[in-house]
Amino acid sequence: MKKILIISAAVIALAACHKEPYPSDGDNEYLVYTSPGKDVSFANYRTFDLADSLLVIGQTDKPFYSQSQNALALIQAFRTNMEKLGYIYTPSNPDADLGIQVTYIIKTEKYVQYYDDPYWWLDYPGYWPSGYWGNWTGYYYPRPVVYTYTTNALVADMVDLTADEDPSKPLEVVWSAYIGGPAGATVQSDVKRMTAAVDQAFAQSQYLAGNKSR
């Protein structure tokens, strides 16, 4: 790609600023947020390049780039949608108009909560309270309840590569997408859901079509 995109901690916070959520929230599909750059005319762009690897954050101690089958399937989903809009894929071309980098983020939270009373005594109507046997409140050892919750997300940034190179200036982001939600039972199911969510990201970003007679 013509220029290297720098991923910062801001990537994790994209959900807070993106717009246009997937309308069918809560249907076991990922939420999809998309946001265009300010005053961008996509009719001015004809060609695009894609980073050939998926940046993975959170799966190991350090971020890494992946070219696994699943990673390439997600990258391909962006290429397919761009080509449907009439953009020409020009891999490794220094004169490409647009560059796209895709990042995968996974996070697992662990929760531990302690209960002093047996589970079956918690707010169960009609059950004997511990005080029935005397001053026994708290005689049970605390019982830990442990559970984990895993979420994952796909973040895409589309940048303008036509501007003059200037190390002191960041690349202009002309479109960004955030796809995220609870992880599924298998990686394969997540890839399938994310691929559908990529299609949704483009479907709700009609402005990307620009001048389709290009």
N, C-alpha and C. Protein backbone atom coordinates (compact mmCIF):
# COMPACT_ATOMS: atom_id res chain seq x y z
N MET A 1 0.85 -1.18 0.00
CA MET A 1 0.00 0.00 0.00
C MET A 1 0.88 1.23 0.00
N LYS A 2 0.37 2.31 -0.56
CA LYS A 2 1.17 3.52 -0.73
C LYS A 2 1.70 4.05 0.59
N LYS A 3 0.86 4.06 1.60
CA LYS A 3 1.25 4.58 2.90
C LYS A 3 0.81 3.60 3.99
N ILE A 4 1.51 3.60 5.07
CA ILE A 4 1.18 2.71 6.18
C ILE A 4 0.24 3.42 7.14
N LEU A 5 -0.85 2.78 7.48
CA LEU A 5 -1.78 3.35 8.44
C LEU A 5 -1.32 3.03 9.84
N ILE A 6 -1.40 4.00 10.72
CA ILE A 6 -0.99 3.81 12.11
C ILE A 6 -2.22 3.59 12.95
N ILE A 7 -2.27 2.44 13.64
CA ILE A 7 -3.40 2.12 14.51
C ILE A 7 -3.06 2.55 15.92
N SER A 8 -3.94 3.32 16.53
CA SER A 8 -3.71 3.81 17.89
C SER A 8 -4.79 3.29 18.81
N ALA A 9 -4.70 3.69 20.07
CA ALA A 9 -5.70 3.26 21.05
C ALA A 9 -7.07 3.80 20.71
N ALA A 10 -7.14 4.82 19.87
CA ALA A 10 -8.43 5.40 19.51
C ALA A 10 -9.31 4.41 18.78
N VAL A 11 -8.72 3.41 18.17
CA VAL A 11 -9.48 2.40 17.45
C VAL A 11 -10.47 1.71 18.36
N ILE A 12 -10.10 1.51 19.63
CA ILE A 12 -10.97 0.81 20.56
C ILE A 12 -12.22 1.62 20.87
N ALA A 13 -12.14 2.94 20.73
CA ALA A 13 -13.24 3.81 21.12
C ALA A 13 -14.13 4.20 19.95
N LEU A 14 -13.97 3.58 18.81
CA LEU A 14 -14.71 4.00 17.63
C LEU A 14 -16.21 3.87 17.80
N ALA A 15 -16.65 2.88 18.57
CA ALA A 15 -18.09 2.68 18.72
C ALA A 15 -18.78 3.89 19.32
N ALA A 16 -18.03 4.67 20.05
CA ALA A 16 -18.63 5.81 20.73
C ALA A 16 -18.93 6.96 19.77
N CYS A 17 -18.28 6.98 18.58
CA CYS A 17 -18.44 8.13 17.72
C CYS A 17 -19.05 7.79 16.36
N HIS A 18 -19.20 6.50 16.06
CA HIS A 18 -19.76 6.15 14.77
C HIS A 18 -21.29 6.26 14.78
N LYS A 19 -21.82 6.43 13.59
CA LYS A 19 -23.26 6.64 13.45
C LYS A 19 -23.89 5.51 12.65
N GLU A 20 -25.21 5.61 12.48
CA GLU A 20 -25.99 4.70 11.66
C GLU A 20 -25.89 3.25 12.13
N PRO A 21 -26.47 2.91 13.28
CA PRO A 21 -26.41 1.53 13.76
C PRO A 21 -27.27 0.61 12.91
N TYR A 22 -26.87 -0.64 12.89
CA TYR A 22 -27.65 -1.68 12.22
C TYR A 22 -29.04 -1.63 12.82
N PRO A 23 -30.09 -1.52 12.00
CA PRO A 23 -31.44 -1.32 12.53
C PRO A 23 -32.00 -2.51 13.31
N SER A 24 -31.51 -3.72 13.06
CA SER A 24 -32.10 -4.88 13.73
C SER A 24 -31.25 -5.30 14.91
N ASP A 25 -31.03 -4.37 15.85
CA ASP A 25 -30.26 -4.67 17.04
C ASP A 25 -30.93 -5.79 17.83
N GLY A 26 -30.12 -6.64 18.47
CA GLY A 26 -30.68 -7.68 19.32
C GLY A 26 -31.12 -8.92 18.60
N ASP A 27 -30.78 -9.06 17.32
CA ASP A 27 -31.19 -10.23 16.56
C ASP A 27 -30.04 -11.21 16.37
N ASN A 28 -29.07 -11.16 17.27
CA ASN A 28 -27.89 -12.02 17.24
C ASN A 28 -26.93 -11.65 16.13
N GLU A 29 -27.14 -10.51 15.49
CA GLU A 29 -26.20 -10.02 14.50
C GLU A 29 -25.36 -8.92 15.13
N TYR A 30 -24.25 -8.61 14.47
CA TYR A 30 -23.39 -7.56 14.99
C TYR A 30 -24.02 -6.18 14.76
N LEU A 31 -23.68 -5.26 15.64
CA LEU A 31 -24.03 -3.86 15.42
C LEU A 31 -23.07 -3.29 14.39
N VAL A 32 -23.58 -2.46 13.52
CA VAL A 32 -22.77 -1.88 12.45
C VAL A 32 -22.89 -0.37 12.50
N TYR A 33 -21.77 0.31 12.69
CA TYR A 33 -21.72 1.77 12.69
C TYR A 33 -20.82 2.22 11.56
N THR A 34 -21.26 3.24 10.82
CA THR A 34 -20.44 3.78 9.74
C THR A 34 -20.43 5.30 9.81
N SER A 35 -19.36 5.88 9.33
CA SER A 35 -19.24 7.33 9.38
C SER A 35 -18.37 7.83 8.23
N PRO A 36 -18.88 8.76 7.42
CA PRO A 36 -18.07 9.33 6.34
C PRO A 36 -17.24 10.49 6.84
N GLY A 37 -16.19 10.80 6.08
CA GLY A 37 -15.42 12.00 6.39
C GLY A 37 -16.23 13.24 6.05
N LYS A 38 -15.76 14.36 6.53
CA LYS A 38 -16.48 15.60 6.31
C LYS A 38 -16.22 16.14 4.90
N ASP A 39 -17.31 16.47 4.20
CA ASP A 39 -17.23 17.10 2.87
C ASP A 39 -16.41 16.27 1.89
N VAL A 40 -16.62 14.95 1.90
CA VAL A 40 -15.89 14.06 0.98
C VAL A 40 -16.76 13.74 -0.22
N SER A 41 -16.20 13.89 -1.41
CA SER A 41 -16.91 13.53 -2.65
C SER A 41 -16.28 12.25 -3.18
N PHE A 42 -16.98 11.14 -3.04
CA PHE A 42 -16.43 9.86 -3.48
C PHE A 42 -16.40 9.72 -4.99
N ALA A 43 -17.04 10.64 -5.70
CA ALA A 43 -16.97 10.62 -7.15
C ALA A 43 -15.55 10.94 -7.64
N ASN A 44 -14.72 11.47 -6.76
CA ASN A 44 -13.35 11.82 -7.14
C ASN A 44 -12.40 10.63 -7.10
N TYR A 45 -12.87 9.49 -6.61
CA TYR A 45 -11.98 8.34 -6.45
C TYR A 45 -12.37 7.23 -7.43
N ARG A 46 -11.36 6.54 -7.95
CA ARG A 46 -11.62 5.46 -8.89
C ARG A 46 -10.99 4.14 -8.47
N THR A 47 -9.83 4.19 -7.85
CA THR A 47 -9.09 2.97 -7.53
C THR A 47 -8.89 2.83 -6.02
N PHE A 48 -8.60 1.61 -5.60
CA PHE A 48 -8.37 1.38 -4.17
C PHE A 48 -7.39 0.23 -3.97
N ASP A 49 -6.77 0.24 -2.80
CA ASP A 49 -5.89 -0.83 -2.38
C ASP A 49 -6.31 -1.28 -0.99
N LEU A 50 -6.04 -2.53 -0.66
CA LEU A 50 -6.38 -3.11 0.64
C LEU A 50 -5.12 -3.64 1.30
N ALA A 51 -4.97 -3.38 2.60
CA ALA A 51 -3.88 -4.04 3.32
C ALA A 51 -4.06 -5.55 3.18
N ASP A 52 -2.98 -6.26 2.87
CA ASP A 52 -3.11 -7.69 2.59
C ASP A 52 -3.15 -8.55 3.84
N SER A 53 -3.13 -7.93 5.02
CA SER A 53 -3.19 -8.67 6.27
C SER A 53 -4.20 -8.02 7.20
N LEU A 54 -4.71 -8.81 8.11
CA LEU A 54 -5.65 -8.32 9.11
C LEU A 54 -4.88 -8.07 10.40
N LEU A 55 -4.97 -6.85 10.93
CA LEU A 55 -4.35 -6.55 12.21
C LEU A 55 -5.23 -7.12 13.32
N VAL A 56 -4.66 -7.95 14.18
CA VAL A 56 -5.41 -8.62 15.25
C VAL A 56 -4.95 -8.06 16.60
N ILE A 57 -5.89 -7.55 17.37
CA ILE A 57 -5.60 -6.98 18.69
C ILE A 57 -6.38 -7.73 19.75
N GLY A 58 -5.69 -8.17 20.80
CA GLY A 58 -6.36 -8.79 21.93
C GLY A 58 -6.31 -10.29 21.97
N GLN A 59 -5.97 -10.93 20.87
CA GLN A 59 -5.93 -12.39 20.85
C GLN A 59 -4.68 -12.92 21.54
N THR A 60 -3.59 -12.17 21.48
CA THR A 60 -2.34 -12.48 22.16
C THR A 60 -1.88 -11.24 22.91
N ASP A 61 -0.77 -11.35 23.61
CA ASP A 61 -0.28 -10.22 24.38
C ASP A 61 0.06 -9.03 23.50
N LYS A 62 0.52 -9.31 22.29
CA LYS A 62 0.90 -8.23 21.38
C LYS A 62 0.08 -8.32 20.09
N PRO A 63 -0.26 -7.18 19.50
CA PRO A 63 -0.97 -7.20 18.22
C PRO A 63 -0.10 -7.90 17.15
N PHE A 64 -0.76 -8.49 16.19
CA PHE A 64 -0.02 -9.14 15.09
C PHE A 64 -0.85 -9.07 13.82
N TYR A 65 -0.19 -9.30 12.70
CA TYR A 65 -0.87 -9.30 11.41
C TYR A 65 -1.13 -10.74 10.98
N SER A 66 -2.34 -10.99 10.50
CA SER A 66 -2.73 -12.34 10.13
C SER A 66 -3.14 -12.42 8.66
N GLN A 67 -2.73 -13.52 8.03
CA GLN A 67 -3.19 -13.85 6.68
C GLN A 67 -3.83 -15.23 6.67
N SER A 68 -4.48 -15.56 7.78
CA SER A 68 -5.17 -16.84 7.86
C SER A 68 -6.35 -16.84 6.90
N GLN A 69 -6.94 -18.00 6.72
CA GLN A 69 -8.11 -18.13 5.83
C GLN A 69 -9.25 -17.23 6.29
N ASN A 70 -9.48 -17.19 7.60
CA ASN A 70 -10.55 -16.35 8.13
C ASN A 70 -10.24 -14.86 7.93
N ALA A 71 -9.00 -14.49 8.15
CA ALA A 71 -8.60 -13.10 7.97
C ALA A 71 -8.78 -12.66 6.52
N LEU A 72 -8.35 -13.51 5.60
CA LEU A 72 -8.46 -13.17 4.18
C LEU A 72 -9.92 -13.12 3.73
N ALA A 73 -10.78 -13.93 4.37
CA ALA A 73 -12.20 -13.90 4.02
C ALA A 73 -12.82 -12.55 4.39
N LEU A 74 -12.42 -12.00 5.53
CA LEU A 74 -12.94 -10.70 5.95
C LEU A 74 -12.41 -9.59 5.05
N ILE A 75 -11.14 -9.66 4.69
CA ILE A 75 -10.56 -8.66 3.78
C ILE A 75 -11.26 -8.74 2.42
N GLN A 76 -11.51 -9.96 1.96
CA GLN A 76 -12.18 -10.15 0.67
C GLN A 76 -13.57 -9.53 0.67
N ALA A 77 -14.25 -9.55 1.81
CA ALA A 77 -15.59 -8.97 1.89
C ALA A 77 -15.56 -7.48 1.56
N PHE A 78 -14.52 -6.79 2.01
CA PHE A 78 -14.39 -5.36 1.69
C PHE A 78 -14.06 -5.17 0.21
N ARG A 79 -13.18 -6.00 -0.32
CA ARG A 79 -12.84 -5.88 -1.74
C ARG A 79 -14.07 -6.10 -2.62
N THR A 80 -14.85 -7.14 -2.30
CA THR A 80 -16.03 -7.45 -3.09
C THR A 80 -17.02 -6.29 -3.10
N ASN A 81 -17.26 -5.70 -1.94
CA ASN A 81 -18.20 -4.58 -1.88
C ASN A 81 -17.68 -3.35 -2.60
N MET A 82 -16.39 -3.09 -2.52
CA MET A 82 -15.82 -1.94 -3.24
C MET A 82 -15.94 -2.14 -4.74
N GLU A 83 -15.68 -3.33 -5.22
CA GLU A 83 -15.76 -3.60 -6.66
C GLU A 83 -17.20 -3.54 -7.15
N LYS A 84 -18.15 -3.92 -6.31
CA LYS A 84 -19.55 -3.80 -6.69
C LYS A 84 -19.95 -2.34 -6.91
N LEU A 85 -19.27 -1.44 -6.20
CA LEU A 85 -19.56 -0.01 -6.35
C LEU A 85 -18.83 0.61 -7.54
N GLY A 86 -18.03 -0.19 -8.23
CA GLY A 86 -17.35 0.31 -9.42
C GLY A 86 -15.91 0.72 -9.21
N TYR A 87 -15.40 0.58 -7.99
CA TYR A 87 -13.99 0.91 -7.76
C TYR A 87 -13.10 -0.19 -8.33
N ILE A 88 -11.92 0.19 -8.76
CA ILE A 88 -10.98 -0.75 -9.37
C ILE A 88 -9.90 -1.11 -8.35
N TYR A 89 -9.75 -2.40 -8.11
CA TYR A 89 -8.76 -2.88 -7.15
C TYR A 89 -7.37 -2.85 -7.79
N THR A 90 -6.46 -2.12 -7.20
CA THR A 90 -5.10 -1.98 -7.73
C THR A 90 -4.10 -2.31 -6.62
N PRO A 91 -3.87 -3.60 -6.37
CA PRO A 91 -3.00 -3.99 -5.26
C PRO A 91 -1.57 -3.51 -5.43
N SER A 92 -1.02 -2.99 -4.35
CA SER A 92 0.38 -2.53 -4.30
C SER A 92 0.68 -1.45 -5.32
N ASN A 93 -0.33 -0.75 -5.76
CA ASN A 93 -0.14 0.35 -6.71
C ASN A 93 0.09 1.64 -5.94
N PRO A 94 1.23 2.29 -6.11
CA PRO A 94 1.49 3.52 -5.36
C PRO A 94 0.57 4.67 -5.72
N ASP A 95 -0.17 4.51 -6.82
CA ASP A 95 -1.06 5.59 -7.25
C ASP A 95 -2.53 5.30 -6.96
N ALA A 96 -2.82 4.32 -6.10
CA ALA A 96 -4.21 4.04 -5.74
C ALA A 96 -4.82 5.26 -5.06
N ASP A 97 -6.10 5.49 -5.32
CA ASP A 97 -6.78 6.66 -4.74
C ASP A 97 -7.13 6.44 -3.27
N LEU A 98 -7.57 5.23 -2.93
CA LEU A 98 -8.04 4.94 -1.59
C LEU A 98 -7.29 3.75 -1.01
N GLY A 99 -7.07 3.78 0.28
CA GLY A 99 -6.47 2.64 0.99
C GLY A 99 -7.37 2.21 2.12
N ILE A 100 -7.48 0.90 2.32
CA ILE A 100 -8.34 0.36 3.38
C ILE A 100 -7.54 -0.57 4.26
N GLN A 101 -7.59 -0.35 5.56
CA GLN A 101 -6.98 -1.26 6.52
C GLN A 101 -8.06 -1.77 7.46
N VAL A 102 -8.02 -3.06 7.75
CA VAL A 102 -9.03 -3.70 8.58
C VAL A 102 -8.38 -4.27 9.84
N THR A 103 -9.00 -4.03 10.97
CA THR A 103 -8.47 -4.47 12.26
C THR A 103 -9.52 -5.31 12.99
N TYR A 104 -9.07 -6.42 13.55
CA TYR A 104 -9.94 -7.29 14.33
C TYR A 104 -9.56 -7.16 15.80
N ILE A 105 -10.56 -6.96 16.66
CA ILE A 105 -10.31 -6.76 18.09
C ILE A 105 -11.16 -7.75 18.87
N ILE A 106 -10.53 -8.47 19.79
CA ILE A 106 -11.27 -9.41 20.64
C ILE A 106 -10.93 -9.12 22.10
N LYS A 107 -11.95 -9.19 22.96
CA LYS A 107 -11.76 -8.87 24.37
C LYS A 107 -12.62 -9.79 25.21
N THR A 108 -12.01 -10.38 26.24
CA THR A 108 -12.73 -11.24 27.16
C THR A 108 -12.70 -10.63 28.56
N GLU A 109 -13.86 -10.46 29.14
CA GLU A 109 -13.98 -9.93 30.49
C GLU A 109 -14.33 -11.08 31.44
N LYS A 110 -13.71 -11.08 32.60
CA LYS A 110 -13.99 -12.09 33.61
C LYS A 110 -14.63 -11.42 34.82
N TYR A 111 -15.74 -11.98 35.27
CA TYR A 111 -16.47 -11.42 36.40
C TYR A 111 -16.53 -12.43 37.54
N VAL A 112 -16.29 -11.96 38.75
CA VAL A 112 -16.40 -12.80 39.94
C VAL A 112 -17.26 -12.07 40.96
N GLN A 113 -18.30 -12.75 41.44
CA GLN A 113 -19.16 -12.17 42.46
C GLN A 113 -19.37 -13.19 43.57
N TYR A 114 -19.34 -12.70 44.82
CA TYR A 114 -19.48 -13.60 45.96
C TYR A 114 -20.84 -13.42 46.62
N TYR A 115 -21.45 -14.55 47.01
CA TYR A 115 -22.73 -14.54 47.72
C TYR A 115 -22.54 -15.17 49.09
N ASP A 116 -23.06 -14.53 50.12
CA ASP A 116 -22.95 -15.05 51.48
C ASP A 116 -24.03 -16.07 51.80
N ASP A 117 -25.13 -16.05 51.04
CA ASP A 117 -26.23 -16.96 51.28
C ASP A 117 -26.29 -17.97 50.14
N PRO A 118 -26.89 -19.12 50.38
CA PRO A 118 -27.06 -20.09 49.29
C PRO A 118 -27.89 -19.49 48.16
N TYR A 119 -27.62 -19.91 46.96
CA TYR A 119 -28.33 -19.36 45.81
C TYR A 119 -29.85 -19.46 45.98
N TRP A 120 -30.28 -20.63 46.49
CA TRP A 120 -31.73 -20.86 46.51
C TRP A 120 -32.45 -20.04 47.58
N TRP A 121 -31.72 -19.32 48.39
CA TRP A 121 -32.36 -18.45 49.37
C TRP A 121 -32.48 -17.03 48.87
N LEU A 122 -31.89 -16.73 47.74
CA LEU A 122 -31.86 -15.34 47.27
C LEU A 122 -33.21 -14.94 46.69
N ASP A 123 -33.98 -14.20 47.48
CA ASP A 123 -35.25 -13.64 47.01
C ASP A 123 -36.25 -14.71 46.57
N TYR A 124 -36.11 -15.93 47.07
CA TYR A 124 -37.06 -16.96 46.71
C TYR A 124 -38.29 -16.83 47.59
N PRO A 125 -39.47 -16.56 47.03
CA PRO A 125 -40.66 -16.28 47.84
C PRO A 125 -41.07 -17.49 48.69
N GLY A 126 -41.30 -17.23 49.99
CA GLY A 126 -41.79 -18.27 50.87
C GLY A 126 -40.73 -19.16 51.47
N TYR A 127 -39.45 -19.02 51.02
CA TYR A 127 -38.43 -19.90 51.58
C TYR A 127 -37.98 -19.39 52.94
N TRP A 128 -37.58 -20.31 53.82
CA TRP A 128 -37.17 -19.92 55.17
C TRP A 128 -35.96 -19.00 55.11
N PRO A 129 -36.00 -17.89 55.81
CA PRO A 129 -34.80 -17.06 55.92
C PRO A 129 -33.81 -17.72 56.87
N SER A 130 -32.54 -17.34 56.76
CA SER A 130 -31.53 -17.96 57.61
C SER A 130 -31.82 -17.71 59.08
N GLY A 131 -32.51 -16.60 59.44
CA GLY A 131 -32.81 -16.28 60.82
C GLY A 131 -33.82 -17.23 61.45
N TYR A 132 -34.48 -18.07 60.66
CA TYR A 132 -35.45 -19.02 61.20
C TYR A 132 -34.80 -19.95 62.22
N TRP A 133 -33.53 -20.28 62.00
CA TRP A 133 -32.83 -21.19 62.89
C TRP A 133 -32.10 -20.46 64.02
N GLY A 134 -32.35 -19.16 64.14
CA GLY A 134 -31.64 -18.38 65.15
C GLY A 134 -30.76 -17.35 64.46
N ASN A 135 -29.80 -16.89 65.20
CA ASN A 135 -28.92 -15.85 64.68
C ASN A 135 -27.83 -16.48 63.80
N TRP A 136 -28.25 -16.98 62.61
CA TRP A 136 -27.32 -17.69 61.74
C TRP A 136 -26.94 -16.90 60.49
N THR A 137 -27.38 -15.65 60.41
CA THR A 137 -27.09 -14.87 59.20
C THR A 137 -25.59 -14.85 58.92
N GLY A 138 -25.23 -15.23 57.73
CA GLY A 138 -23.82 -15.16 57.33
C GLY A 138 -23.01 -16.38 57.68
N TYR A 139 -23.66 -17.49 58.10
CA TYR A 139 -22.86 -18.64 58.52
C TYR A 139 -22.35 -19.43 57.33
N TYR A 140 -22.89 -19.16 56.13
CA TYR A 140 -22.38 -19.85 54.95
C TYR A 140 -21.10 -19.17 54.45
N TYR A 141 -20.18 -19.99 53.99
CA TYR A 141 -18.99 -19.41 53.37
C TYR A 141 -19.40 -18.70 52.08
N PRO A 142 -18.75 -17.59 51.78
CA PRO A 142 -19.07 -16.90 50.52
C PRO A 142 -18.88 -17.84 49.33
N ARG A 143 -19.84 -17.81 48.42
CA ARG A 143 -19.78 -18.67 47.24
C ARG A 143 -19.43 -17.81 46.02
N PRO A 144 -18.33 -18.09 45.35
CA PRO A 144 -17.98 -17.28 44.17
C PRO A 144 -18.75 -17.73 42.93
N VAL A 145 -19.26 -16.79 42.20
CA VAL A 145 -19.88 -17.04 40.90
C VAL A 145 -18.97 -16.41 39.85
N VAL A 146 -18.44 -17.23 38.96
CA VAL A 146 -17.47 -16.76 37.98
C VAL A 146 -18.04 -16.97 36.57
N TYR A 147 -17.94 -15.95 35.74
CA TYR A 147 -18.33 -16.12 34.35
C TYR A 147 -17.51 -15.17 33.48
N THR A 148 -17.40 -15.52 32.23
CA THR A 148 -16.64 -14.70 31.28
C THR A 148 -17.55 -14.26 30.15
N TYR A 149 -17.18 -13.18 29.53
CA TYR A 149 -17.98 -12.59 28.45
C TYR A 149 -17.01 -12.09 27.38
N THR A 150 -17.15 -12.61 26.18
CA THR A 150 -16.22 -12.26 25.10
C THR A 150 -16.93 -11.47 24.01
N THR A 151 -16.35 -10.37 23.63
CA THR A 151 -16.85 -9.58 22.51
C THR A 151 -15.74 -9.46 21.46
N ASN A 152 -16.14 -9.27 20.23
CA ASN A 152 -15.15 -9.00 19.20
C ASN A 152 -15.68 -7.95 18.25
N ALA A 153 -14.77 -7.36 17.51
CA ALA A 153 -15.14 -6.24 16.63
C ALA A 153 -14.23 -6.21 15.42
N LEU A 154 -14.76 -5.63 14.37
CA LEU A 154 -14.02 -5.40 13.14
C LEU A 154 -14.06 -3.91 12.86
N VAL A 155 -12.89 -3.31 12.70
CA VAL A 155 -12.80 -1.88 12.46
C VAL A 155 -12.12 -1.65 11.12
N ALA A 156 -12.71 -0.84 10.28
CA ALA A 156 -12.13 -0.53 8.97
C ALA A 156 -11.98 0.98 8.81
N ASP A 157 -10.85 1.38 8.29
CA ASP A 157 -10.59 2.78 7.98
C ASP A 157 -10.23 2.90 6.51
N MET A 158 -10.92 3.79 5.81
CA MET A 158 -10.64 4.09 4.41
C MET A 158 -9.99 5.47 4.35
N VAL A 159 -8.81 5.54 3.75
CA VAL A 159 -8.07 6.81 3.74
C VAL A 159 -7.83 7.29 2.32
N ASP A 160 -7.66 8.59 2.19
CA ASP A 160 -7.37 9.24 0.92
C ASP A 160 -5.87 9.17 0.66
N LEU A 161 -5.48 8.48 -0.42
CA LEU A 161 -4.07 8.36 -0.75
C LEU A 161 -3.63 9.32 -1.85
N THR A 162 -4.55 10.19 -2.27
CA THR A 162 -4.22 11.10 -3.37
C THR A 162 -3.52 12.37 -2.91
N ALA A 163 -3.56 12.65 -1.61
CA ALA A 163 -2.93 13.87 -1.10
C ALA A 163 -1.41 13.75 -1.17
N ASP A 164 -0.75 14.89 -1.25
CA ASP A 164 0.71 14.90 -1.26
C ASP A 164 1.23 14.33 0.06
N GLU A 165 2.27 13.52 -0.03
CA GLU A 165 2.82 12.92 1.18
C GLU A 165 3.45 13.98 2.06
N ASP A 166 3.09 13.92 3.33
CA ASP A 166 3.63 14.87 4.30
C ASP A 166 3.73 14.14 5.64
N PRO A 167 4.96 13.80 6.07
CA PRO A 167 5.12 13.05 7.33
C PRO A 167 4.53 13.74 8.54
N SER A 168 4.33 15.05 8.44
CA SER A 168 3.82 15.79 9.59
C SER A 168 2.30 15.78 9.67
N LYS A 169 1.64 15.25 8.65
CA LYS A 169 0.19 15.24 8.62
C LYS A 169 -0.34 13.82 8.56
N PRO A 170 -1.43 13.52 9.28
CA PRO A 170 -2.01 12.18 9.20
C PRO A 170 -2.80 12.02 7.91
N LEU A 171 -3.00 10.78 7.51
CA LEU A 171 -3.84 10.51 6.35
C LEU A 171 -5.28 10.87 6.68
N GLU A 172 -5.97 11.41 5.71
CA GLU A 172 -7.38 11.78 5.91
C GLU A 172 -8.25 10.53 5.82
N VAL A 173 -9.01 10.28 6.88
CA VAL A 173 -9.96 9.16 6.88
C VAL A 173 -11.25 9.63 6.23
N VAL A 174 -11.62 9.01 5.11
CA VAL A 174 -12.82 9.42 4.38
C VAL A 174 -14.02 8.55 4.70
N TRP A 175 -13.78 7.41 5.33
CA TRP A 175 -14.89 6.53 5.74
C TRP A 175 -14.36 5.56 6.77
N SER A 176 -15.17 5.29 7.77
CA SER A 176 -14.79 4.30 8.77
C SER A 176 -16.01 3.47 9.14
N ALA A 177 -15.74 2.25 9.57
CA ALA A 177 -16.82 1.34 9.94
C ALA A 177 -16.43 0.58 11.20
N TYR A 178 -17.39 0.38 12.08
CA TYR A 178 -17.20 -0.41 13.29
C TYR A 178 -18.27 -1.49 13.31
N ILE A 179 -17.84 -2.73 13.44
CA ILE A 179 -18.74 -3.88 13.50
C ILE A 179 -18.41 -4.63 14.78
N GLY A 180 -19.36 -4.77 15.68
CA GLY A 180 -19.02 -5.41 16.95
C GLY A 180 -20.20 -5.98 17.70
N GLY A 181 -19.88 -6.86 18.65
CA GLY A 181 -20.91 -7.48 19.47
C GLY A 181 -20.38 -8.70 20.17
N PRO A 182 -21.24 -9.48 20.81
CA PRO A 182 -20.81 -10.69 21.50
C PRO A 182 -20.24 -11.72 20.53
N ALA A 183 -19.18 -12.38 20.95
CA ALA A 183 -18.60 -13.43 20.12
C ALA A 183 -19.52 -14.64 20.09
N GLY A 184 -19.47 -15.36 18.99
CA GLY A 184 -20.29 -16.56 18.85
C GLY A 184 -19.59 -17.79 19.36
N ALA A 185 -20.17 -18.94 19.08
CA ALA A 185 -19.64 -20.21 19.58
C ALA A 185 -18.36 -20.62 18.87
N THR A 186 -18.22 -20.24 17.60
CA THR A 186 -17.04 -20.63 16.83
C THR A 186 -16.54 -19.44 16.02
N VAL A 187 -15.26 -19.51 15.65
CA VAL A 187 -14.68 -18.46 14.82
C VAL A 187 -15.38 -18.43 13.47
N GLN A 188 -15.70 -19.61 12.94
CA GLN A 188 -16.35 -19.68 11.63
C GLN A 188 -17.70 -18.97 11.62
N SER A 189 -18.45 -19.13 12.70
CA SER A 189 -19.75 -18.46 12.77
C SER A 189 -19.56 -16.95 12.87
N ASP A 190 -18.53 -16.51 13.59
CA ASP A 190 -18.27 -15.08 13.70
C ASP A 190 -17.86 -14.48 12.36
N VAL A 191 -17.03 -15.21 11.62
CA VAL A 191 -16.61 -14.73 10.30
C VAL A 191 -17.82 -14.60 9.38
N LYS A 192 -18.71 -15.56 9.44
CA LYS A 192 -19.92 -15.51 8.61
C LYS A 192 -20.77 -14.30 8.98
N ARG A 193 -20.96 -14.07 10.29
CA ARG A 193 -21.76 -12.93 10.74
C ARG A 193 -21.07 -11.61 10.39
N MET A 194 -19.76 -11.58 10.54
CA MET A 194 -19.02 -10.34 10.23
C MET A 194 -19.05 -10.04 8.73
N THR A 195 -18.98 -11.08 7.91
CA THR A 195 -19.06 -10.87 6.47
C THR A 195 -20.41 -10.25 6.09
N ALA A 196 -21.48 -10.76 6.69
CA ALA A 196 -22.80 -10.17 6.45
C ALA A 196 -22.85 -8.74 6.96
N ALA A 197 -22.17 -8.47 8.08
CA ALA A 197 -22.15 -7.12 8.64
C ALA A 197 -21.36 -6.16 7.76
N VAL A 198 -20.31 -6.65 7.10
CA VAL A 198 -19.58 -5.81 6.15
C VAL A 198 -20.50 -5.40 5.01
N ASP A 199 -21.29 -6.34 4.51
CA ASP A 199 -22.27 -6.01 3.46
C ASP A 199 -23.22 -4.94 3.96
N GLN A 200 -23.65 -5.07 5.23
CA GLN A 200 -24.56 -4.08 5.80
C GLN A 200 -23.90 -2.72 5.91
N ALA A 201 -22.61 -2.69 6.25
CA ALA A 201 -21.89 -1.42 6.38
C ALA A 201 -21.90 -0.66 5.06
N PHE A 202 -21.73 -1.37 3.96
CA PHE A 202 -21.76 -0.72 2.65
C PHE A 202 -23.19 -0.38 2.25
N ALA A 203 -24.14 -1.24 2.61
CA ALA A 203 -25.54 -0.98 2.26
C ALA A 203 -26.04 0.30 2.91
N GLN A 204 -25.58 0.61 4.12
CA GLN A 204 -26.04 1.82 4.81
C GLN A 204 -25.13 3.02 4.53
N SER A 205 -24.21 2.84 3.58
CA SER A 205 -23.29 3.93 3.20
C SER A 205 -23.40 4.17 1.70
N GLN A 206 -24.61 4.50 1.26
CA GLN A 206 -24.85 4.66 -0.17
C GLN A 206 -23.98 5.73 -0.82
N TYR A 207 -23.54 6.70 -0.04
CA TYR A 207 -22.71 7.78 -0.56
C TYR A 207 -21.39 7.27 -1.13
N LEU A 208 -20.98 6.06 -0.74
CA LEU A 208 -19.73 5.51 -1.25
C LEU A 208 -19.79 5.24 -2.74
N ALA A 209 -21.00 5.11 -3.27
CA ALA A 209 -21.14 4.83 -4.70
C ALA A 209 -20.61 5.97 -5.55
N GLY A 210 -20.66 7.20 -5.03
CA GLY A 210 -20.15 8.35 -5.79
C GLY A 210 -20.77 8.41 -7.17
N ASN A 211 -19.92 8.54 -8.15
CA ASN A 211 -20.39 8.56 -9.54
C ASN A 211 -20.21 7.16 -10.11
N LYS A 212 -21.27 6.37 -10.18
CA LYS A 212 -21.16 4.99 -10.61
C LYS A 212 -20.86 4.84 -12.10
N SER A 213 -20.85 5.94 -12.82
CA SER A 213 -20.50 5.89 -14.23
C SER A 213 -19.01 6.08 -14.43
N ARG A 214 -18.26 6.03 -13.32
CA ARG A 214 -16.81 6.23 -13.41
C ARG A 214 -16.18 5.23 -14.37
